[in-house]
Structures are given as C-alpha cells and as structure tokens.
Amino acid sequence: SITGSMVEEYAQVCQGQLSHEEFLRKYGHLRPGTYEITSLRYDERDDLFLGDMPSLPPAEVSQFTLTSEERASLEVLLEETGLNVVNAEQLVDYARKAIAGREYVKFVFTRTLSDALSMVVRWGEYHGLSREDLSFLEWPEIAKCLTHPVMDDVDRHYLDLAEMARRSMAAAHAFRLGHIIFGVGDIYVATLNRSVPNYVGIGVASGPVVQLEANTPTSVNIKDMIVCVENADPGFDWIFTKGPGALITRFGGANSHMAVRCAEFGLPAAIGCGDQIYHRVVAASSVELNCAEKIVRPLYAE
C-alpha cells in the first residue's frame, strides 16, 4: 500500500538517500486526525525525522499464496454463491488490488482536505483566531462571511461563536449515552456493551504501553512498545517508521485503515477494543497481546 512506500522512503531520508523536501512534497500533507484542524501536518512538524534511525524494509517481501485446501474451499464458496465468474486466485488478486487502491484514494483525498484546513488556519491567523478557536467553528459560519460581511469586529464575532460552542460541548459531555440508541428510554439508562476486538494476524507481543494522540511528537520512543491510539488514520502512519511492538485502538473495524496497515507489516494488533478494554489497557504499565489466542490483557508487576 501507500504506507509501505512511505516507510521505505522515510528510511531513505534518514540514511541520506532521499531529500527531506522530496519526501515532504509527497507526504507532507498527512496529519494525525485527518479532520483535526489543531493537528500539525508532517511538513509543519520539526520532529518528524528525530529519534532512532529506522532500517530499510527488506527488499524481498513474502508473498501470500493460497494453499490447495484454501483454494478448493474458495472455489466451492464461489460456486455456491453464484460468483464463479472468477476463480479463487482471481478473487484474491482483486482483493489485493482493491485494498491497495482504496488506501491510495484515501491518500489522494486527504491532500485536498489537508490543504483546505491549512487555508482555514491562515484565514484564522489573519483575523486573530487560533487553531483551537477554529476547531469550535462550523464551516457554514465561516463561509457566510463571503456574502454577509460581519458587522462587528471579525475576531470578536467568531470568538463569541467559538465560546458558545465550547459551552455546548461541555454540556454534551455531561451525558453518558450508549453507542446505539433505540428509543427514549436509552437516554435515561445507557447500556455499554463490551466490544470484541478485531485481532490482526496471529502474532504475539508484550511490553510497556505508550498512548499516542494527534499532537504527540513523532520523536517519542515507541520501539517494541504496545502503542495505543483511540482512532488511527493515515496521519498516524509515522508509527510504522518507529518499530512498534503492537498496536491497540479503541475504535475501528476489521477492514479499517489501521487493520490493513498492520496486516501489511505483520504487526500484531487489536483493532476496535471498545471503551472498557481500551481504558484498562491504557491504565496498565505493560500489556500482553496474543492475536492467535485472541487475548489482550494488562500485565501487572508483582
């Protein structure tokens, strides 16, 4: 996928085989939390190339091939479902290209989105608004000034709107709701079901826990550690340049961005653990992850 190329070119920069400028022209638009305006882009950070120097990925990457039993089983399933216009090998080849293609489309889309957010930041700076102020404004209110000039001081007008939004968000956080609301009664009694993580691969890892957020410095040491992220998107792909031991996320599914990434790199992962498991893992000093046995549990010092 596009991340495989990024990790390889990142290593080339660190070893002097590729210039910083060339790397950032291609990947500089990425930002952790793709829609998060308070998050810095790669080309706005001064810590992207700090820390341990990564090694170049192996030139020979092991290729996935179906066993004869898997091939036969797939052929039977394709026949049963009426999808026998393709054979098992063609289906796997299509899946490989489709997954890589989908990740590349995300990469292209985020460039335009990130550039748009940067333009909003520059507009805010011109009017005395910080990134944090802008994060509380809705786009229609900003665009409205193009056709309906603000009669008050521009900064005061938007600062007032941002403050109102902060109060609304503070009030919203006072509510504890379930993930799915079926009726009025669910507003009064919230049922929080325990999520079942999506385990990637069959690998095993254990070690100290490190929690990352959108603005965590990329120079942080995560080598061989159990990395915890609430919801990782393409902007967090720098993680794979730092040699993590495993990845655990609070949100995400079996076909989510990070599930695909971890499968590509053979990194043990538990994707979409839910609130209870994730918070328990983050609170622990070290964690064991066994994807084959479908186990994720804190390790407590004796």
Protein backbone atom coordinates (compact mmCIF):
# COMPACT_ATOMS: atom_id res chain seq x y z
CA SER A 1 0.00 0.00 0.00
CA ILE A 2 0.96 3.67 0.00
CA THR A 3 2.18 3.27 3.59
CA GLY A 4 4.71 0.66 2.53
CA SER A 5 6.16 3.20 0.10
CA MET A 6 6.16 5.91 2.76
CA VAL A 7 8.04 3.80 5.31
CA GLU A 8 10.65 2.87 2.71
CA GLU A 9 11.15 6.49 1.60
CA TYR A 10 11.26 7.69 5.22
CA ALA A 11 14.15 5.31 5.85
CA GLN A 12 15.86 6.61 2.71
CA VAL A 13 15.63 10.18 4.05
CA CYS A 14 17.13 9.15 7.38
CA GLN A 15 20.01 7.45 5.55
CA GLY A 16 20.64 10.39 3.23
CA GLN A 17 19.39 8.65 0.10
CA LEU A 18 16.40 10.98 -0.35
CA SER A 19 15.96 14.67 0.46
CA HIS A 20 13.59 15.95 3.14
CA GLU A 21 11.97 18.23 0.58
CA GLU A 22 11.18 15.41 -1.83
CA PHE A 23 9.66 13.31 0.95
CA LEU A 24 7.52 16.18 2.23
CA ARG A 25 6.31 17.10 -1.26
CA LYS A 26 4.74 13.66 -1.41
CA TYR A 27 3.72 13.01 2.20
CA GLY A 28 3.83 16.44 3.89
CA HIS A 29 0.05 16.90 3.81
CA LEU A 30 -0.61 14.00 6.21
CA ARG A 31 -1.79 14.98 9.68
CA PRO A 32 -2.84 12.73 12.61
CA GLY A 33 -6.59 13.03 12.99
CA THR A 34 -7.25 13.80 9.32
CA TYR A 35 -10.10 16.25 10.03
CA GLU A 36 -8.48 17.73 13.17
CA ILE A 37 -7.52 21.33 12.43
CA THR A 38 -5.46 21.60 15.64
CA SER A 39 -3.17 18.80 14.44
CA LEU A 40 0.03 19.74 12.61
CA ARG A 41 0.82 18.39 9.16
CA TYR A 42 4.02 16.43 8.56
CA ASP A 43 5.51 19.45 6.76
CA GLU A 44 4.68 21.67 9.76
CA ARG A 45 6.47 19.49 12.30
CA ASP A 46 10.13 19.79 13.23
CA ASP A 47 10.28 16.41 14.96
CA LEU A 48 9.41 14.10 12.06
CA PHE A 49 12.96 12.92 11.46
CA LEU A 50 14.14 12.87 15.07
CA GLY A 51 14.70 9.73 17.09
CA ASP A 52 16.22 6.37 16.17
CA MET A 53 17.17 5.86 12.54
CA PRO A 54 14.95 3.17 11.00
CA SER A 55 16.32 0.40 8.84
CA LEU A 56 15.26 -0.05 5.24
CA PRO A 57 12.48 -2.62 4.75
CA PRO A 58 13.63 -5.96 3.34
CA ALA A 59 13.93 -5.98 -0.44
CA GLU A 60 12.15 -9.32 -0.67
CA VAL A 61 8.64 -9.25 0.78
CA SER A 62 6.96 -12.59 1.37
CA GLN A 63 4.01 -13.10 -0.94
CA PHE A 64 0.72 -14.56 0.22
CA THR A 65 -0.34 -17.69 -1.62
CA LEU A 66 -3.36 -19.91 -1.14
CA THR A 67 -2.88 -23.48 -0.04
CA SER A 68 -4.54 -26.15 -2.16
CA GLU A 69 -7.16 -26.67 0.58
CA GLU A 70 -7.92 -22.94 0.79
CA ARG A 71 -8.15 -22.69 -2.97
CA ALA A 72 -10.57 -25.60 -3.16
CA SER A 73 -12.74 -24.21 -0.34
CA LEU A 74 -12.93 -20.81 -2.01
CA GLU A 75 -13.91 -22.41 -5.30
CA VAL A 76 -16.78 -24.21 -3.55
CA LEU A 77 -17.98 -20.98 -1.90
CA LEU A 78 -17.82 -19.08 -5.18
CA GLU A 79 -19.85 -21.79 -6.85
CA GLU A 80 -22.46 -21.81 -4.08
CA THR A 81 -22.94 -18.03 -4.16
CA GLY A 82 -23.09 -17.77 -7.93
CA LEU A 83 -19.86 -15.77 -8.10
CA ASN A 84 -18.00 -18.39 -10.09
CA VAL A 85 -17.31 -15.88 -12.87
CA VAL A 86 -13.94 -15.60 -11.13
CA ASN A 87 -11.78 -18.31 -9.62
CA ALA A 88 -10.10 -18.25 -6.20
CA GLU A 89 -6.82 -16.77 -7.47
CA GLN A 90 -8.64 -14.01 -9.35
CA LEU A 91 -10.70 -13.18 -6.26
CA VAL A 92 -7.61 -12.84 -4.06
CA ASP A 93 -5.84 -10.78 -6.71
CA TYR A 94 -8.86 -8.47 -6.95
CA ALA A 95 -8.97 -8.08 -3.16
CA ARG A 96 -5.26 -7.24 -3.07
CA LYS A 97 -5.61 -4.54 -5.73
CA ALA A 98 -8.87 -3.18 -4.30
CA ILE A 99 -7.50 -2.77 -0.78
CA ALA A 100 -4.32 -1.07 -2.00
CA GLY A 101 -6.39 1.11 -4.34
CA ARG A 102 -8.74 2.17 -1.57
CA GLU A 103 -5.81 3.20 0.63
CA TYR A 104 -4.32 5.23 -2.23
CA VAL A 105 -7.64 7.02 -2.80
CA LYS A 106 -7.65 7.99 0.89
CA PHE A 107 -4.13 9.33 0.50
CA VAL A 108 -5.09 11.49 -2.50
CA PHE A 109 -8.30 12.73 -0.83
CA THR A 110 -6.53 13.75 2.37
CA ARG A 111 -4.17 16.01 0.41
CA THR A 112 -7.03 18.25 -0.74
CA LEU A 113 -8.67 18.13 2.69
CA SER A 114 -5.43 18.98 4.49
CA ASP A 115 -4.71 21.88 2.13
CA ALA A 116 -8.22 23.23 2.76
CA LEU A 117 -7.71 23.08 6.53
CA SER A 118 -4.39 24.90 6.14
CA MET A 119 -6.14 27.68 4.25
CA VAL A 120 -8.68 27.99 7.07
CA VAL A 121 -5.80 28.21 9.56
CA ARG A 122 -4.23 31.04 7.56
CA TRP A 123 -7.59 32.82 7.42
CA GLY A 124 -7.91 32.44 11.19
CA GLU A 125 -4.40 33.78 11.81
CA TYR A 126 -5.23 36.84 9.71
CA HIS A 127 -8.24 37.53 11.94
CA GLY A 128 -6.55 36.68 15.25
CA LEU A 129 -8.12 33.23 15.71
CA SER A 130 -6.12 30.27 16.97
CA ARG A 131 -6.41 26.71 15.69
CA GLU A 132 -8.23 25.84 18.90
CA ASP A 133 -10.74 28.66 18.30
CA LEU A 134 -11.29 27.48 14.73
CA SER A 135 -11.95 23.91 15.88
CA PHE A 136 -15.17 25.12 17.51
CA LEU A 137 -16.50 26.94 14.43
CA GLU A 138 -18.77 25.39 11.83
CA TRP A 139 -17.79 25.84 8.21
CA PRO A 140 -21.10 27.50 7.14
CA GLU A 141 -20.43 30.29 9.65
CA ILE A 142 -17.00 30.89 8.13
CA ALA A 143 -18.22 30.72 4.52
CA LYS A 144 -21.13 33.04 5.34
CA CYS A 145 -18.75 35.99 5.71
CA LEU A 146 -18.11 35.84 1.94
CA THR A 147 -21.65 37.03 1.19
CA HIS A 148 -22.70 38.55 4.53
CA PRO A 149 -19.91 40.74 5.94
CA VAL A 150 -19.55 40.67 9.71
CA MET A 151 -20.82 43.97 11.14
CA ASP A 152 -18.81 43.60 14.37
CA ASP A 153 -15.06 43.13 14.77
CA VAL A 154 -14.32 39.88 12.94
CA ASP A 155 -12.27 38.35 15.73
CA ARG A 156 -14.84 39.21 18.42
CA HIS A 157 -17.69 37.83 16.28
CA TYR A 158 -16.03 34.45 15.77
CA LEU A 159 -14.58 34.26 19.27
CA ASP A 160 -18.13 34.64 20.62
CA LEU A 161 -19.32 31.80 18.37
CA ALA A 162 -16.42 29.63 19.48
CA GLU A 163 -17.16 30.28 23.15
CA MET A 164 -20.82 29.34 22.68
CA ALA A 165 -19.71 26.10 21.01
CA ARG A 166 -17.34 25.34 23.90
CA ARG A 167 -20.19 25.66 26.39
CA SER A 168 -22.43 23.44 24.26
CA MET A 169 -19.72 20.78 24.06
CA ALA A 170 -19.13 20.93 27.82
CA ALA A 171 -22.86 20.35 28.36
CA ALA A 172 -22.89 17.47 25.86
CA HIS A 173 -20.02 15.75 27.67
CA ALA A 174 -22.16 15.63 30.81
CA PHE A 175 -24.29 12.95 29.15
CA ARG A 176 -23.30 9.31 29.15
CA LEU A 177 -25.02 7.57 26.25
CA GLY A 178 -24.84 4.10 24.76
CA HIS A 179 -23.35 3.55 21.31
CA ILE A 180 -26.77 2.71 19.85
CA ILE A 181 -30.00 4.49 20.85
CA PHE A 182 -33.23 2.62 20.08
CA GLY A 183 -35.68 4.82 21.95
CA VAL A 184 -36.28 7.49 24.56
CA GLY A 185 -35.57 5.07 27.39
CA ASP A 186 -31.96 4.70 26.24
CA ILE A 187 -31.39 8.35 27.15
CA TYR A 188 -32.05 7.54 30.82
CA VAL A 189 -30.39 4.12 31.02
CA ALA A 190 -27.25 3.69 28.92
CA THR A 191 -26.12 0.14 28.20
CA LEU A 192 -22.44 -0.09 27.34
CA ASN A 193 -21.78 -3.44 25.72
CA ARG A 194 -18.33 -4.94 25.84
CA SER A 195 -16.68 -4.82 22.42
CA VAL A 196 -14.82 -7.76 20.88
CA PRO A 197 -11.51 -6.60 19.37
CA ASN A 198 -10.61 -7.37 15.77
CA TYR A 199 -7.32 -9.25 16.02
CA VAL A 200 -4.92 -8.85 13.11
CA GLY A 201 -2.65 -11.78 12.32
CA ILE A 202 -1.53 -14.47 14.74
CA GLY A 203 1.43 -12.67 16.31
CA VAL A 204 2.25 -12.25 19.98
CA ALA A 205 3.69 -9.17 21.68
CA SER A 206 4.13 -7.87 25.20
CA GLY A 207 5.74 -4.78 26.64
CA PRO A 208 5.24 -1.31 28.07
CA VAL A 209 2.27 0.78 26.93
CA VAL A 210 2.50 4.16 25.23
CA GLN A 211 -0.61 6.17 24.34
CA LEU A 212 -0.47 8.49 21.33
CA GLU A 213 -2.64 11.47 20.47
CA ALA A 214 -2.87 13.70 17.40
CA ASN A 215 -0.14 16.08 18.57
CA THR A 216 2.18 13.56 20.20
CA PRO A 217 5.74 14.31 18.98
CA THR A 218 6.90 11.83 16.37
CA SER A 219 10.23 11.67 18.21
CA VAL A 220 8.61 9.75 21.07
CA ASN A 221 10.18 6.34 21.67
CA ILE A 222 7.72 3.60 20.72
CA LYS A 223 10.18 0.93 19.62
CA ASP A 224 8.96 -2.54 20.70
CA MET A 225 6.18 -0.91 22.77
CA ILE A 226 2.45 -1.57 22.77
CA VAL A 227 1.10 1.54 21.03
CA CYS A 228 -2.42 2.67 21.98
CA VAL A 229 -4.37 5.10 19.80
CA GLU A 230 -8.07 5.90 20.09
CA ASN A 231 -8.71 6.03 16.36
CA ALA A 232 -5.75 6.00 13.99
CA ASP A 233 -5.95 7.33 10.43
CA PRO A 234 -3.38 7.90 7.62
CA GLY A 235 -1.80 10.74 9.59
CA PHE A 236 -0.60 8.20 12.15
CA ASP A 237 1.34 6.19 9.57
CA TRP A 238 4.58 7.61 11.02
CA ILE A 239 4.12 4.98 13.73
CA PHE A 240 5.35 2.29 11.34
CA THR A 241 8.68 4.06 10.85
CA LYS A 242 9.50 3.68 14.57
CA GLY A 243 9.40 -0.10 15.09
CA PRO A 244 6.39 -0.56 17.43
CA GLY A 245 5.78 -3.95 19.03
CA ALA A 246 2.00 -3.96 18.57
CA LEU A 247 -0.98 -1.67 18.08
CA ILE A 248 -4.21 -1.38 20.07
CA THR A 249 -7.04 1.00 19.10
CA ARG A 250 -10.27 1.98 20.82
CA PHE A 251 -12.26 2.32 17.60
CA GLY A 252 -12.02 0.64 14.19
CA GLY A 253 -13.11 -2.46 12.33
CA ALA A 254 -11.60 -5.49 10.65
CA ASN A 255 -11.25 -3.61 7.36
CA SER A 256 -10.30 -0.22 8.82
CA HIS A 257 -7.24 1.77 7.85
CA MET A 258 -5.02 0.50 10.66
CA ALA A 259 -6.18 -3.11 10.29
CA VAL A 260 -4.97 -3.04 6.69
CA ARG A 261 -1.71 -1.36 7.68
CA CYS A 262 -0.93 -3.85 10.44
CA ALA A 263 -1.74 -6.80 8.17
CA GLU A 264 0.65 -5.38 5.56
CA PHE A 265 3.52 -5.01 8.03
CA GLY A 266 2.78 -8.18 10.01
CA LEU A 267 2.27 -6.13 13.18
CA PRO A 268 0.15 -7.77 15.92
CA ALA A 269 -2.90 -5.61 16.56
CA ALA A 270 -6.21 -5.46 18.38
CA ILE A 271 -8.42 -3.02 16.48
CA GLY A 272 -11.63 -1.59 17.95
CA CYS A 273 -11.33 -2.78 21.56
CA GLY A 274 -14.09 -0.50 22.82
CA ASP A 275 -14.17 1.71 25.89
CA GLN A 276 -13.72 -0.82 28.70
CA ILE A 277 -10.81 -2.82 27.33
CA TYR A 278 -9.03 0.22 25.89
CA HIS A 279 -9.14 2.23 29.11
CA ARG A 280 -7.96 -0.77 31.12
CA VAL A 281 -5.04 -1.30 28.73
CA VAL A 282 -4.04 2.37 28.76
CA ALA A 283 -4.09 2.43 32.56
CA ALA A 284 -1.71 -0.56 32.73
CA SER A 285 2.05 -0.19 32.70
CA SER A 286 2.50 -3.15 30.35
CA VAL A 287 0.26 -5.37 28.24
CA GLU A 288 0.24 -8.78 26.58
CA LEU A 289 -1.35 -9.17 23.14
CA ASN A 290 -1.81 -12.66 21.69
CA CYS A 291 -3.67 -12.48 18.39
CA ALA A 292 -3.69 -16.25 17.82
CA GLU A 293 -5.40 -16.84 21.17
CA LYS A 294 -7.44 -13.61 20.90
CA ILE A 295 -6.13 -12.30 24.21
CA VAL A 296 -5.33 -8.74 25.25
CA ARG A 297 -4.66 -8.24 28.94
CA PRO A 298 -2.72 -5.96 31.28
CA LEU A 299 0.42 -7.31 32.90
CA TYR A 300 0.80 -6.14 36.45
CA ALA A 301 4.14 -6.10 38.26
CA GLU A 302 4.30 -8.37 41.27
